[in-house]
Amino acid sequence: MHQGNLRKITILLLTFYTALIFYFLYLGFNRGAFGDVSVLRYNIIPEMIPLHYPMGRNFQIWFFELGNFVAFIPFGIIIPLLFQCSFRRFITFFILSITIVETLQMLSGLGAFDIEDIIINSLGAAVGYASQRIVTGDRDNIKGICKMFLMATILAVGTIIIIGGINNYLEKGEGETVALNELILKDGSLQWDESLSSFTVAGEEITPQINLYSRKNTKNNEFSYILNSEYTTMTGYVAIPDDVINAVSTEGSEIEFISGGTVIYAVGLSAKSGENQKISFQVPLNGVNDLTIKIINKDPNLNTNALMWDITLTKVNTGQKIVNSIKEKLGSLF
């Protein structure tokens, strides 16, 4: 597409489309109402490529991710047709341009500099470039352009399936499960019930299957583990048994999960008659290097009145290990 009316029309349409993209990047979605340059917003360490399956996600967020990908496909189709260039030349120019756009968004307060936006925008442009290279015939007429956009649609769907699948694996794929009693303590002391004694909670008989925090532990206990970002979640159950309630105890308990001096999860337990119940918990452990479990029992009894059992940790899968390693290296650079 080097000359003639079709070239002129294409340049005109590309100019209009570019102006429309700039409108949405700087003024659309009510951005003008939030123009604040006092705080620069930016993200320079990517978590993942922001392109997911729509199932189970907020539709507005998913649609915004899709738009960030699809909206830049036309640039990959049209620009190489108007100005012949290799993929390396094109994608270098595109990444440089979109980086400038992201920087201006941040400096103007009308948006944020987000490395993930640059990645997904560039991926869309790359899909567009690939589609126009695959279609070799009719490149200088409307029929050929329609073929290119059809090919772009096919490649875009394939890309969404692949990237969405990778993200689903990174977010939901589970690694090996490890029982808490198998980990070596970093600090503190902890006793496990060796016989996995049964007990009742709110009339329900409980028989632990994996481990049981022993009643012989002191009423206030604190113990720590080194996790080295190797786990994604910790799950288990906590409760105050019925026999404690029946002993006319009215003081409850609190269990805190602490990392880096910050409580990342907490469970409160009531010891009042009719209020005790079995509670399941799930503690997020992504990026957690050290974990301290602090049990606070307010009952005057010297031993614990709260029990924990069937506590397991899920390891990160191979993909998550790779991502965490990359993030750690990038974090050390910035």
C-alpha atoms as a PDB file:
ATOM      1  CA  MET A   1       0.000   0.000   0.000  1.00  0.00           C
ATOM      2  CA  HIS A   2       2.383   2.646  -1.268  1.00  0.00           C
ATOM      3  CA  GLN A   3       0.293   5.079  -3.313  1.00  0.00           C
ATOM      4  CA  GLY A   4      -3.149   6.060  -4.534  1.00  0.00           C
ATOM      5  CA  ASN A   5      -6.404   6.961  -2.818  1.00  0.00           C
ATOM      6  CA  LEU A   6      -6.390   3.864  -0.628  1.00  0.00           C
ATOM      7  CA  ARG A   7      -3.144   5.020   0.998  1.00  0.00           C
ATOM      8  CA  LYS A   8      -4.554   8.488   1.624  1.00  0.00           C
ATOM      9  CA  ILE A   9      -7.754   7.090   3.113  1.00  0.00           C
ATOM     10  CA  THR A  10      -5.763   4.678   5.278  1.00  0.00           C
ATOM     11  CA  ILE A  11      -3.524   7.472   6.608  1.00  0.00           C
ATOM     12  CA  LEU A  12      -6.628   9.547   7.367  1.00  0.00           C
ATOM     13  CA  LEU A  13      -8.288   6.647   9.217  1.00  0.00           C
ATOM     14  CA  LEU A  14      -5.067   5.870  11.111  1.00  0.00           C
ATOM     15  CA  THR A  15      -4.801   9.513  12.180  1.00  0.00           C
ATOM     16  CA  PHE A  16      -8.407   9.528  13.388  1.00  0.00           C
ATOM     17  CA  TYR A  17      -7.950   6.205  15.199  1.00  0.00           C
ATOM     18  CA  THR A  18      -4.746   7.417  16.871  1.00  0.00           C
ATOM     19  CA  ALA A  19      -6.538  10.563  18.045  1.00  0.00           C
ATOM     20  CA  LEU A  20      -9.336   8.378  19.455  1.00  0.00           C
ATOM     21  CA  ILE A  21      -6.795   6.233  21.345  1.00  0.00           C
ATOM     22  CA  PHE A  22      -5.168   9.359  22.773  1.00  0.00           C
ATOM     23  CA  TYR A  23      -8.567  10.600  23.886  1.00  0.00           C
ATOM     24  CA  PHE A  24      -9.212   7.431  25.883  1.00  0.00           C
ATOM     25  CA  LEU A  25      -5.653   7.399  27.264  1.00  0.00           C
ATOM     26  CA  TYR A  26      -5.753  10.991  28.510  1.00  0.00           C
ATOM     27  CA  LEU A  27      -9.356  12.172  28.741  1.00  0.00           C
ATOM     28  CA  GLY A  28     -11.663   9.149  28.548  1.00  0.00           C
ATOM     29  CA  PHE A  29     -13.077   7.337  31.594  1.00  0.00           C
ATOM     30  CA  ASN A  30     -13.303  10.707  33.372  1.00  0.00           C
ATOM     31  CA  ARG A  31      -9.500  10.914  33.694  1.00  0.00           C
ATOM     32  CA  GLY A  32      -9.574  14.721  33.675  1.00  0.00           C
ATOM     33  CA  ALA A  33     -11.326  14.774  37.050  1.00  0.00           C
ATOM     34  CA  PHE A  34      -8.381  12.978  38.658  1.00  0.00           C
ATOM     35  CA  GLY A  35      -5.476  15.011  37.307  1.00  0.00           C
ATOM     36  CA  ASP A  36      -3.145  15.102  40.305  1.00  0.00           C
ATOM     37  CA  VAL A  37       0.597  15.480  39.781  1.00  0.00           C
ATOM     38  CA  SER A  38       1.435  15.656  43.486  1.00  0.00           C
ATOM     39  CA  VAL A  39       1.842  11.874  43.590  1.00  0.00           C
ATOM     40  CA  LEU A  40       3.432  10.028  40.683  1.00  0.00           C
ATOM     41  CA  ARG A  41       1.801   6.657  40.128  1.00  0.00           C
ATOM     42  CA  TYR A  42       3.846   3.933  38.527  1.00  0.00           C
ATOM     43  CA  ASN A  43       4.457   0.192  38.379  1.00  0.00           C
ATOM     44  CA  ILE A  44       7.792  -0.939  36.984  1.00  0.00           C
ATOM     45  CA  ILE A  45       7.774  -4.564  38.144  1.00  0.00           C
ATOM     46  CA  PRO A  46       5.270  -6.719  36.212  1.00  0.00           C
ATOM     47  CA  GLU A  47       3.185  -9.313  38.032  1.00  0.00           C
ATOM     48  CA  MET A  48       1.979 -11.025  34.851  1.00  0.00           C
ATOM     49  CA  ILE A  49       0.628 -10.236  31.387  1.00  0.00           C
ATOM     50  CA  PRO A  50      -2.803  -8.691  32.128  1.00  0.00           C
ATOM     51  CA  LEU A  51      -4.916 -10.855  29.822  1.00  0.00           C
ATOM     52  CA  HIS A  52      -7.306 -13.306  31.489  1.00  0.00           C
ATOM     53  CA  TYR A  53     -10.308 -15.468  30.765  1.00  0.00           C
ATOM     54  CA  PRO A  54     -13.578 -13.646  31.571  1.00  0.00           C
ATOM     55  CA  MET A  55     -14.915 -16.435  33.810  1.00  0.00           C
ATOM     56  CA  GLY A  56     -14.913 -15.534  37.476  1.00  0.00           C
ATOM     57  CA  ARG A  57     -13.545 -12.031  36.953  1.00  0.00           C
ATOM     58  CA  ASN A  58     -15.012  -8.564  37.292  1.00  0.00           C
ATOM     59  CA  PHE A  59     -16.393  -7.824  33.792  1.00  0.00           C
ATOM     60  CA  GLN A  60     -15.281  -4.194  33.781  1.00  0.00           C
ATOM     61  CA  ILE A  61     -11.685  -5.086  34.687  1.00  0.00           C
ATOM     62  CA  TRP A  62     -11.619  -7.933  32.169  1.00  0.00           C
ATOM     63  CA  PHE A  63     -13.038  -5.705  29.410  1.00  0.00           C
ATOM     64  CA  PHE A  64     -10.438  -3.029  30.180  1.00  0.00           C
ATOM     65  CA  GLU A  65      -7.644  -5.639  29.904  1.00  0.00           C
ATOM     66  CA  LEU A  66      -9.063  -6.872  26.595  1.00  0.00           C
ATOM     67  CA  GLY A  67      -9.274  -3.317  25.276  1.00  0.00           C
ATOM     68  CA  ASN A  68      -5.630  -2.684  26.165  1.00  0.00           C
ATOM     69  CA  PHE A  69      -4.742  -5.646  23.951  1.00  0.00           C
ATOM     70  CA  VAL A  70      -7.181  -5.389  21.036  1.00  0.00           C
ATOM     71  CA  ALA A  71      -7.034  -1.600  20.617  1.00  0.00           C
ATOM     72  CA  PHE A  72      -3.394  -1.708  19.506  1.00  0.00           C
ATOM     73  CA  ILE A  73      -3.700  -4.513  16.946  1.00  0.00           C
ATOM     74  CA  PRO A  74      -4.591  -2.063  14.094  1.00  0.00           C
ATOM     75  CA  PHE A  75      -1.268  -0.237  14.558  1.00  0.00           C
ATOM     76  CA  GLY A  76       0.585  -3.500  13.893  1.00  0.00           C
ATOM     77  CA  ILE A  77      -1.410  -4.031  10.709  1.00  0.00           C
ATOM     78  CA  ILE A  78      -1.497  -0.546   9.195  1.00  0.00           C
ATOM     79  CA  ILE A  79       1.856   1.063  10.048  1.00  0.00           C
ATOM     80  CA  PRO A  80       4.000  -1.644   8.349  1.00  0.00           C
ATOM     81  CA  LEU A  81       1.745  -1.425   5.280  1.00  0.00           C
ATOM     82  CA  LEU A  82       2.236   2.342   5.035  1.00  0.00           C
ATOM     83  CA  PHE A  83       5.912   2.361   5.960  1.00  0.00           C
ATOM     84  CA  GLN A  84       7.750  -0.847   5.151  1.00  0.00           C
ATOM     85  CA  CYS A  85       9.818  -1.994   8.115  1.00  0.00           C
ATOM     86  CA  SER A  86      11.109  -5.123   9.790  1.00  0.00           C
ATOM     87  CA  PHE A  87       9.477  -6.465  12.943  1.00  0.00           C
ATOM     88  CA  ARG A  88      12.466  -5.437  15.059  1.00  0.00           C
ATOM     89  CA  ARG A  89      12.277  -1.886  13.759  1.00  0.00           C
ATOM     90  CA  PHE A  90       8.515  -1.688  14.154  1.00  0.00           C
ATOM     91  CA  ILE A  91       8.298  -3.125  17.669  1.00  0.00           C
ATOM     92  CA  THR A  92      11.230  -0.987  18.886  1.00  0.00           C
ATOM     93  CA  PHE A  93       9.482   2.141  17.579  1.00  0.00           C
ATOM     94  CA  PHE A  94       6.172   1.050  19.085  1.00  0.00           C
ATOM     95  CA  ILE A  95       7.584   0.232  22.553  1.00  0.00           C
ATOM     96  CA  LEU A  96       9.453   3.556  22.612  1.00  0.00           C
ATOM     97  CA  SER A  97       6.274   5.427  21.631  1.00  0.00           C
ATOM     98  CA  ILE A  98       3.999   3.704  24.147  1.00  0.00           C
ATOM     99  CA  THR A  99       6.629   4.208  26.881  1.00  0.00           C
ATOM    100  CA  ILE A 100       6.543   7.956  26.171  1.00  0.00           C
ATOM    101  CA  VAL A 101       2.726   7.867  26.297  1.00  0.00           C
ATOM    102  CA  GLU A 102       2.781   6.052  29.663  1.00  0.00           C
ATOM    103  CA  THR A 103       5.332   8.515  31.034  1.00  0.00           C
ATOM    104  CA  LEU A 104       3.198  11.490  29.998  1.00  0.00           C
ATOM    105  CA  GLN A 105       0.177   9.866  31.648  1.00  0.00           C
ATOM    106  CA  MET A 106       2.118   9.662  34.907  1.00  0.00           C
ATOM    107  CA  LEU A 107       3.588  13.172  34.737  1.00  0.00           C
ATOM    108  CA  SER A 108       0.216  14.739  33.885  1.00  0.00           C
ATOM    109  CA  GLY A 109      -1.562  12.915  36.709  1.00  0.00           C
ATOM    110  CA  LEU A 110      -4.082  11.576  34.167  1.00  0.00           C
ATOM    111  CA  GLY A 111      -2.936   8.011  34.602  1.00  0.00           C
ATOM    112  CA  ALA A 112      -0.060   5.866  35.763  1.00  0.00           C
ATOM    113  CA  PHE A 113       3.110   4.518  34.221  1.00  0.00           C
ATOM    114  CA  ASP A 114       2.449   0.794  34.132  1.00  0.00           C
ATOM    115  CA  ILE A 115       4.923  -1.670  32.648  1.00  0.00           C
ATOM    116  CA  GLU A 116       2.077  -4.179  32.287  1.00  0.00           C
ATOM    117  CA  ASP A 117       0.244  -1.755  29.977  1.00  0.00           C
ATOM    118  CA  ILE A 118       3.352  -1.473  27.821  1.00  0.00           C
ATOM    119  CA  ILE A 119       3.607  -5.258  27.614  1.00  0.00           C
ATOM    120  CA  ILE A 120      -0.044  -5.847  26.676  1.00  0.00           C
ATOM    121  CA  ASN A 121      -0.143  -2.921  24.220  1.00  0.00           C
ATOM    122  CA  SER A 122       3.022  -4.196  22.525  1.00  0.00           C
ATOM    123  CA  LEU A 123       1.616  -7.728  22.404  1.00  0.00           C
ATOM    124  CA  GLY A 124      -1.432  -6.399  20.561  1.00  0.00           C
ATOM    125  CA  ALA A 125       0.774  -4.537  18.083  1.00  0.00           C
ATOM    126  CA  ALA A 126       2.868  -7.688  17.550  1.00  0.00           C
ATOM    127  CA  VAL A 127      -0.279  -9.710  16.758  1.00  0.00           C
ATOM    128  CA  GLY A 128      -1.262  -7.073  14.202  1.00  0.00           C
ATOM    129  CA  TYR A 129       2.180  -7.153  12.604  1.00  0.00           C
ATOM    130  CA  ALA A 130       2.117 -10.965  12.373  1.00  0.00           C
ATOM    131  CA  SER A 131      -1.329 -10.958  10.736  1.00  0.00           C
ATOM    132  CA  GLN A 132      -0.264  -8.591   7.912  1.00  0.00           C
ATOM    133  CA  ARG A 133       2.865 -10.642   7.270  1.00  0.00           C
ATOM    134  CA  ILE A 134       0.904 -13.895   7.017  1.00  0.00           C
ATOM    135  CA  VAL A 135      -1.475 -12.488   4.370  1.00  0.00           C
ATOM    136  CA  THR A 136       0.696 -12.223   1.248  1.00  0.00           C
ATOM    137  CA  GLY A 137      -1.932 -11.624  -1.448  1.00  0.00           C
ATOM    138  CA  ASP A 138      -4.178  -8.600  -2.144  1.00  0.00           C
ATOM    139  CA  ARG A 139      -2.136  -6.424   0.208  1.00  0.00           C
ATOM    140  CA  ASP A 140      -2.936  -3.242  -1.710  1.00  0.00           C
ATOM    141  CA  ASN A 141      -6.731  -3.418  -1.649  1.00  0.00           C
ATOM    142  CA  ILE A 142      -9.692  -3.574   0.716  1.00  0.00           C
ATOM    143  CA  LYS A 143     -10.061  -7.325   0.264  1.00  0.00           C
ATOM    144  CA  GLY A 144      -6.520  -7.902   1.488  1.00  0.00           C
ATOM    145  CA  ILE A 145      -6.954  -5.608   4.488  1.00  0.00           C
ATOM    146  CA  CYS A 146     -10.110  -7.502   5.465  1.00  0.00           C
ATOM    147  CA  LYS A 147      -8.122 -10.752   5.280  1.00  0.00           C
ATOM    148  CA  MET A 148      -5.489  -9.229   7.550  1.00  0.00           C
ATOM    149  CA  PHE A 149      -8.063  -8.197  10.147  1.00  0.00           C
ATOM    150  CA  LEU A 150      -9.643 -11.658   9.980  1.00  0.00           C
ATOM    151  CA  MET A 151      -6.211 -13.210  10.532  1.00  0.00           C
ATOM    152  CA  ALA A 152      -5.620 -10.755  13.374  1.00  0.00           C
ATOM    153  CA  THR A 153      -8.863 -11.919  15.002  1.00  0.00           C
ATOM    154  CA  ILE A 154      -7.741 -15.553  14.796  1.00  0.00           C
ATOM    155  CA  LEU A 155      -4.290 -14.751  16.220  1.00  0.00           C
ATOM    156  CA  ALA A 156      -5.808 -12.573  18.951  1.00  0.00           C
ATOM    157  CA  VAL A 157      -8.149 -15.361  20.094  1.00  0.00           C
ATOM    158  CA  GLY A 158      -5.233 -17.788  20.129  1.00  0.00           C
ATOM    159  CA  THR A 159      -3.124 -15.341  22.135  1.00  0.00           C
ATOM    160  CA  ILE A 160      -5.919 -14.821  24.668  1.00  0.00           C
ATOM    161  CA  ILE A 161      -6.314 -18.588  25.074  1.00  0.00           C
ATOM    162  CA  ILE A 162      -2.573 -19.106  25.621  1.00  0.00           C
ATOM    163  CA  ILE A 163      -1.903 -16.098  27.885  1.00  0.00           C
ATOM    164  CA  GLY A 164      -5.162 -16.635  29.785  1.00  0.00           C
ATOM    165  CA  GLY A 165      -4.198 -20.258  30.357  1.00  0.00           C
ATOM    166  CA  ILE A 166      -0.748 -19.287  31.627  1.00  0.00           C
ATOM    167  CA  ASN A 167      -2.266 -16.718  34.006  1.00  0.00           C
ATOM    168  CA  ASN A 168      -4.811 -19.250  35.232  1.00  0.00           C
ATOM    169  CA  TYR A 169      -1.965 -21.674  35.963  1.00  0.00           C
ATOM    170  CA  LEU A 170       0.043 -18.980  37.777  1.00  0.00           C
ATOM    171  CA  GLU A 171      -2.933 -17.846  39.857  1.00  0.00           C
ATOM    172  CA  LYS A 172      -4.664 -21.129  40.604  1.00  0.00           C
ATOM    173  CA  GLY A 173      -2.182 -23.900  39.872  1.00  0.00           C
ATOM    174  CA  GLU A 174      -1.181 -25.596  43.099  1.00  0.00           C
ATOM    175  CA  GLY A 175       2.100 -27.186  43.994  1.00  0.00           C
ATOM    176  CA  GLU A 176       2.904 -29.787  46.641  1.00  0.00           C
ATOM    177  CA  THR A 177       1.011 -29.671  49.953  1.00  0.00           C
ATOM    178  CA  VAL A 178       3.047 -29.769  53.189  1.00  0.00           C
ATOM    179  CA  ALA A 179       1.746 -30.239  56.752  1.00  0.00           C
ATOM    180  CA  LEU A 180       2.779 -27.477  59.161  1.00  0.00           C
ATOM    181  CA  ASN A 181       4.237 -30.006  61.624  1.00  0.00           C
ATOM    182  CA  GLU A 182       6.732 -31.067  58.939  1.00  0.00           C
ATOM    183  CA  LEU A 183       8.379 -27.619  58.870  1.00  0.00           C
ATOM    184  CA  ILE A 184      11.340 -26.772  61.091  1.00  0.00           C
ATOM    185  CA  LEU A 185      10.750 -24.012  63.627  1.00  0.00           C
ATOM    186  CA  LYS A 186      12.850 -20.872  63.292  1.00  0.00           C
ATOM    187  CA  ASP A 187      11.963 -19.576  66.737  1.00  0.00           C
ATOM    188  CA  GLY A 188       9.752 -20.464  69.704  1.00  0.00           C
ATOM    189  CA  SER A 189       8.500 -23.815  70.955  1.00  0.00           C
ATOM    190  CA  LEU A 190       5.533 -25.858  69.803  1.00  0.00           C
ATOM    191  CA  GLN A 191       3.958 -29.148  70.870  1.00  0.00           C
ATOM    192  CA  TRP A 192       1.815 -31.273  68.574  1.00  0.00           C
ATOM    193  CA  ASP A 193      -0.728 -33.786  69.872  1.00  0.00           C
ATOM    194  CA  GLU A 194       0.834 -37.138  69.016  1.00  0.00           C
ATOM    195  CA  SER A 195      -2.388 -39.138  69.258  1.00  0.00           C
ATOM    196  CA  LEU A 196      -4.569 -36.649  67.283  1.00  0.00           C
ATOM    197  CA  SER A 197      -7.184 -36.656  70.038  1.00  0.00           C
ATOM    198  CA  SER A 198     -10.849 -36.234  69.142  1.00  0.00           C
ATOM    199  CA  PHE A 199     -12.998 -33.454  70.631  1.00  0.00           C
ATOM    200  CA  THR A 200     -16.337 -31.745  69.995  1.00  0.00           C
ATOM    201  CA  VAL A 201     -17.100 -28.232  68.796  1.00  0.00           C
ATOM    202  CA  ALA A 202     -20.707 -26.998  68.926  1.00  0.00           C
ATOM    203  CA  GLY A 203     -21.784 -30.625  69.298  1.00  0.00           C
ATOM    204  CA  GLU A 204     -19.831 -31.821  66.252  1.00  0.00           C
ATOM    205  CA  GLU A 205     -17.200 -34.482  66.868  1.00  0.00           C
ATOM    206  CA  ILE A 206     -13.865 -33.516  65.345  1.00  0.00           C
ATOM    207  CA  THR A 207     -11.146 -36.056  64.513  1.00  0.00           C
ATOM    208  CA  PRO A 208      -8.024 -34.336  63.099  1.00  0.00           C
ATOM    209  CA  GLN A 209      -6.431 -36.118  60.146  1.00  0.00           C
ATOM    210  CA  ILE A 210      -3.034 -34.429  59.747  1.00  0.00           C
ATOM    211  CA  ASN A 211      -1.952 -32.564  62.857  1.00  0.00           C
ATOM    212  CA  LEU A 212      -3.336 -31.039  66.073  1.00  0.00           C
ATOM    213  CA  TYR A 213      -1.969 -28.144  68.109  1.00  0.00           C
ATOM    214  CA  SER A 214      -1.556 -29.687  71.548  1.00  0.00           C
ATOM    215  CA  ARG A 215      -3.535 -28.474  74.554  1.00  0.00           C
ATOM    216  CA  LYS A 216      -0.276 -28.717  76.517  1.00  0.00           C
ATOM    217  CA  ASN A 217       1.000 -25.542  74.869  1.00  0.00           C
ATOM    218  CA  THR A 218       0.962 -22.470  77.085  1.00  0.00           C
ATOM    219  CA  LYS A 219      -2.078 -20.230  76.813  1.00  0.00           C
ATOM    220  CA  ASN A 220      -0.026 -17.514  75.076  1.00  0.00           C
ATOM    221  CA  ASN A 221       2.329 -18.926  72.476  1.00  0.00           C
ATOM    222  CA  GLU A 222       4.390 -17.547  69.597  1.00  0.00           C
ATOM    223  CA  PHE A 223       6.411 -19.528  67.076  1.00  0.00           C
ATOM    224  CA  SER A 224       8.025 -18.758  63.710  1.00  0.00           C
ATOM    225  CA  TYR A 225       9.014 -20.402  60.427  1.00  0.00           C
ATOM    226  CA  ILE A 226      11.218 -19.410  57.471  1.00  0.00           C
ATOM    227  CA  LEU A 227       9.150 -19.817  54.276  1.00  0.00           C
ATOM    228  CA  ASN A 228      11.419 -18.114  51.691  1.00  0.00           C
ATOM    229  CA  SER A 229       8.429 -17.240  49.447  1.00  0.00           C
ATOM    230  CA  GLU A 230       7.993 -20.955  48.678  1.00  0.00           C
ATOM    231  CA  TYR A 231       4.299 -21.155  49.596  1.00  0.00           C
ATOM    232  CA  THR A 232       1.068 -19.621  48.304  1.00  0.00           C
ATOM    233  CA  THR A 233      -1.441 -20.359  51.097  1.00  0.00           C
ATOM    234  CA  MET A 234      -1.863 -21.894  54.529  1.00  0.00           C
ATOM    235  CA  THR A 235      -5.159 -23.556  55.377  1.00  0.00           C
ATOM    236  CA  GLY A 236      -6.584 -25.267  58.423  1.00  0.00           C
ATOM    237  CA  TYR A 237      -9.196 -25.133  61.183  1.00  0.00           C
ATOM    238  CA  VAL A 238      -9.401 -23.437  64.577  1.00  0.00           C
ATOM    239  CA  ALA A 239     -11.911 -23.643  67.419  1.00  0.00           C
ATOM    240  CA  ILE A 240     -12.438 -23.621  71.167  1.00  0.00           C
ATOM    241  CA  PRO A 241     -13.673 -27.113  72.150  1.00  0.00           C
ATOM    242  CA  ASP A 242     -16.974 -27.668  73.962  1.00  0.00           C
ATOM    243  CA  ASP A 243     -15.301 -28.957  77.133  1.00  0.00           C
ATOM    244  CA  VAL A 244     -13.656 -25.551  77.577  1.00  0.00           C
ATOM    245  CA  ILE A 245     -17.019 -23.853  77.169  1.00  0.00           C
ATOM    246  CA  ASN A 246     -18.582 -26.282  79.630  1.00  0.00           C
ATOM    247  CA  ALA A 247     -15.910 -25.349  82.180  1.00  0.00           C
ATOM    248  CA  VAL A 248     -17.625 -21.971  82.450  1.00  0.00           C
ATOM    249  CA  SER A 249     -14.882 -20.207  80.504  1.00  0.00           C
ATOM    250  CA  THR A 250     -16.050 -16.941  78.947  1.00  0.00           C
ATOM    251  CA  GLU A 251     -12.722 -15.589  77.722  1.00  0.00           C
ATOM    252  CA  GLY A 252     -12.011 -15.969  74.020  1.00  0.00           C
ATOM    253  CA  SER A 253      -8.833 -16.367  71.994  1.00  0.00           C
ATOM    254  CA  GLU A 254      -7.143 -14.667  69.079  1.00  0.00           C
ATOM    255  CA  ILE A 255      -4.737 -16.144  66.554  1.00  0.00           C
ATOM    256  CA  GLU A 256      -2.551 -13.827  64.474  1.00  0.00           C
ATOM    257  CA  PHE A 257      -0.449 -14.682  61.436  1.00  0.00           C
ATOM    258  CA  ILE A 258       2.401 -12.176  61.179  1.00  0.00           C
ATOM    259  CA  SER A 259       4.973 -11.490  58.453  1.00  0.00           C
ATOM    260  CA  GLY A 260       7.608  -8.795  58.631  1.00  0.00           C
ATOM    261  CA  GLY A 261       6.048  -7.452  61.818  1.00  0.00           C
ATOM    262  CA  THR A 262       2.651  -6.980  60.118  1.00  0.00           C
ATOM    263  CA  VAL A 263      -0.462  -9.028  60.832  1.00  0.00           C
ATOM    264  CA  ILE A 264      -1.499 -10.512  57.490  1.00  0.00           C
ATOM    265  CA  TYR A 265      -4.406 -12.559  58.829  1.00  0.00           C
ATOM    266  CA  ALA A 266      -6.206 -12.958  62.158  1.00  0.00           C
ATOM    267  CA  VAL A 267      -8.923 -15.174  63.625  1.00  0.00           C
ATOM    268  CA  GLY A 268     -10.994 -14.310  66.697  1.00  0.00           C
ATOM    269  CA  LEU A 269     -12.619 -17.095  68.728  1.00  0.00           C
ATOM    270  CA  SER A 270     -15.440 -16.764  71.237  1.00  0.00           C
ATOM    271  CA  ALA A 271     -15.546 -18.913  74.375  1.00  0.00           C
ATOM    272  CA  LYS A 272     -19.118 -18.019  75.277  1.00  0.00           C
ATOM    273  CA  SER A 273     -21.698 -20.769  75.333  1.00  0.00           C
ATOM    274  CA  GLY A 274     -23.490 -21.093  72.003  1.00  0.00           C
ATOM    275  CA  GLU A 275     -20.937 -18.948  70.158  1.00  0.00           C
ATOM    276  CA  ASN A 276     -18.034 -21.325  69.720  1.00  0.00           C
ATOM    277  CA  GLN A 277     -17.760 -22.906  66.271  1.00  0.00           C
ATOM    278  CA  LYS A 278     -15.298 -24.554  63.903  1.00  0.00           C
ATOM    279  CA  ILE A 279     -13.640 -21.915  61.724  1.00  0.00           C
ATOM    280  CA  SER A 280     -11.691 -22.672  58.566  1.00  0.00           C
ATOM    281  CA  PHE A 281      -8.946 -20.252  57.594  1.00  0.00           C
ATOM    282  CA  GLN A 282      -6.843 -19.556  54.506  1.00  0.00           C
ATOM    283  CA  VAL A 283      -3.802 -17.336  54.931  1.00  0.00           C
ATOM    284  CA  PRO A 284      -2.257 -15.829  51.741  1.00  0.00           C
ATOM    285  CA  LEU A 285       1.493 -16.460  51.692  1.00  0.00           C
ATOM    286  CA  ASN A 286       2.610 -15.121  48.310  1.00  0.00           C
ATOM    287  CA  GLY A 287       5.942 -13.391  48.793  1.00  0.00           C
ATOM    288  CA  VAL A 288       6.062 -14.237  52.527  1.00  0.00           C
ATOM    289  CA  ASN A 289       9.610 -14.988  53.694  1.00  0.00           C
ATOM    290  CA  ASP A 290       8.949 -15.432  57.395  1.00  0.00           C
ATOM    291  CA  LEU A 291       5.765 -16.330  59.244  1.00  0.00           C
ATOM    292  CA  THR A 292       5.023 -16.011  62.944  1.00  0.00           C
ATOM    293  CA  ILE A 293       1.894 -17.554  64.468  1.00  0.00           C
ATOM    294  CA  LYS A 294       0.816 -15.851  67.675  1.00  0.00           C
ATOM    295  CA  ILE A 295      -1.864 -17.411  69.857  1.00  0.00           C
ATOM    296  CA  ILE A 296      -3.366 -15.279  72.610  1.00  0.00           C
ATOM    297  CA  ASN A 297      -5.700 -16.982  75.110  1.00  0.00           C
ATOM    298  CA  LYS A 298      -7.467 -14.709  77.575  1.00  0.00           C
ATOM    299  CA  ASP A 299      -8.637 -17.532  79.823  1.00  0.00           C
ATOM    300  CA  PRO A 300      -6.904 -17.738  83.235  1.00  0.00           C
ATOM    301  CA  ASN A 301      -6.085 -21.412  82.604  1.00  0.00           C
ATOM    302  CA  LEU A 302      -2.313 -21.832  82.062  1.00  0.00           C
ATOM    303  CA  ASN A 303      -2.765 -24.048  79.007  1.00  0.00           C
ATOM    304  CA  THR A 304      -4.335 -23.131  75.662  1.00  0.00           C
ATOM    305  CA  ASN A 305      -8.085 -23.146  75.237  1.00  0.00           C
ATOM    306  CA  ALA A 306      -7.851 -22.810  71.441  1.00  0.00           C
ATOM    307  CA  LEU A 307      -7.026 -25.642  69.075  1.00  0.00           C
ATOM    308  CA  MET A 308      -5.719 -25.674  65.502  1.00  0.00           C
ATOM    309  CA  TRP A 309      -5.697 -28.757  63.333  1.00  0.00           C
ATOM    310  CA  ASP A 310      -5.206 -30.117  59.798  1.00  0.00           C
ATOM    311  CA  ILE A 311      -2.925 -27.164  59.011  1.00  0.00           C
ATOM    312  CA  THR A 312      -1.239 -27.393  55.606  1.00  0.00           C
ATOM    313  CA  LEU A 313       0.781 -25.115  53.342  1.00  0.00           C
ATOM    314  CA  THR A 314       0.610 -25.220  49.542  1.00  0.00           C
ATOM    315  CA  LYS A 315       3.890 -24.722  47.706  1.00  0.00           C
ATOM    316  CA  VAL A 316       4.197 -22.454  44.689  1.00  0.00           C
ATOM    317  CA  ASN A 317       4.179 -24.274  41.364  1.00  0.00           C
ATOM    318  CA  THR A 318       7.063 -24.140  38.867  1.00  0.00           C
ATOM    319  CA  GLY A 319       5.652 -21.137  37.010  1.00  0.00           C
ATOM    320  CA  GLN A 320       5.134 -19.195  40.221  1.00  0.00           C
ATOM    321  CA  LYS A 321       8.731 -19.956  41.252  1.00  0.00           C
ATOM    322  CA  ILE A 322       9.999 -18.486  37.983  1.00  0.00           C
ATOM    323  CA  VAL A 323       7.819 -15.375  38.321  1.00  0.00           C
ATOM    324  CA  ASN A 324       8.862 -14.839  41.951  1.00  0.00           C
ATOM    325  CA  SER A 325      12.520 -15.178  40.964  1.00  0.00           C
ATOM    326  CA  ILE A 326      12.144 -12.604  38.179  1.00  0.00           C
ATOM    327  CA  LYS A 327      10.293 -10.199  40.482  1.00  0.00           C
ATOM    328  CA  GLU A 328      12.964 -10.594  43.139  1.00  0.00           C
ATOM    329  CA  LYS A 329      15.737  -9.799  40.644  1.00  0.00           C
ATOM    330  CA  LEU A 330      13.858  -6.809  39.218  1.00  0.00           C
ATOM    331  CA  GLY A 331      13.098  -5.602  42.741  1.00  0.00           C
ATOM    332  CA  SER A 332      16.815  -5.641  43.569  1.00  0.00           C
ATOM    333  CA  LEU A 333      17.515  -3.499  40.492  1.00  0.00           C
ATOM    334  CA  PHE A 334      14.903  -0.861  41.342  1.00  0.00           C
END
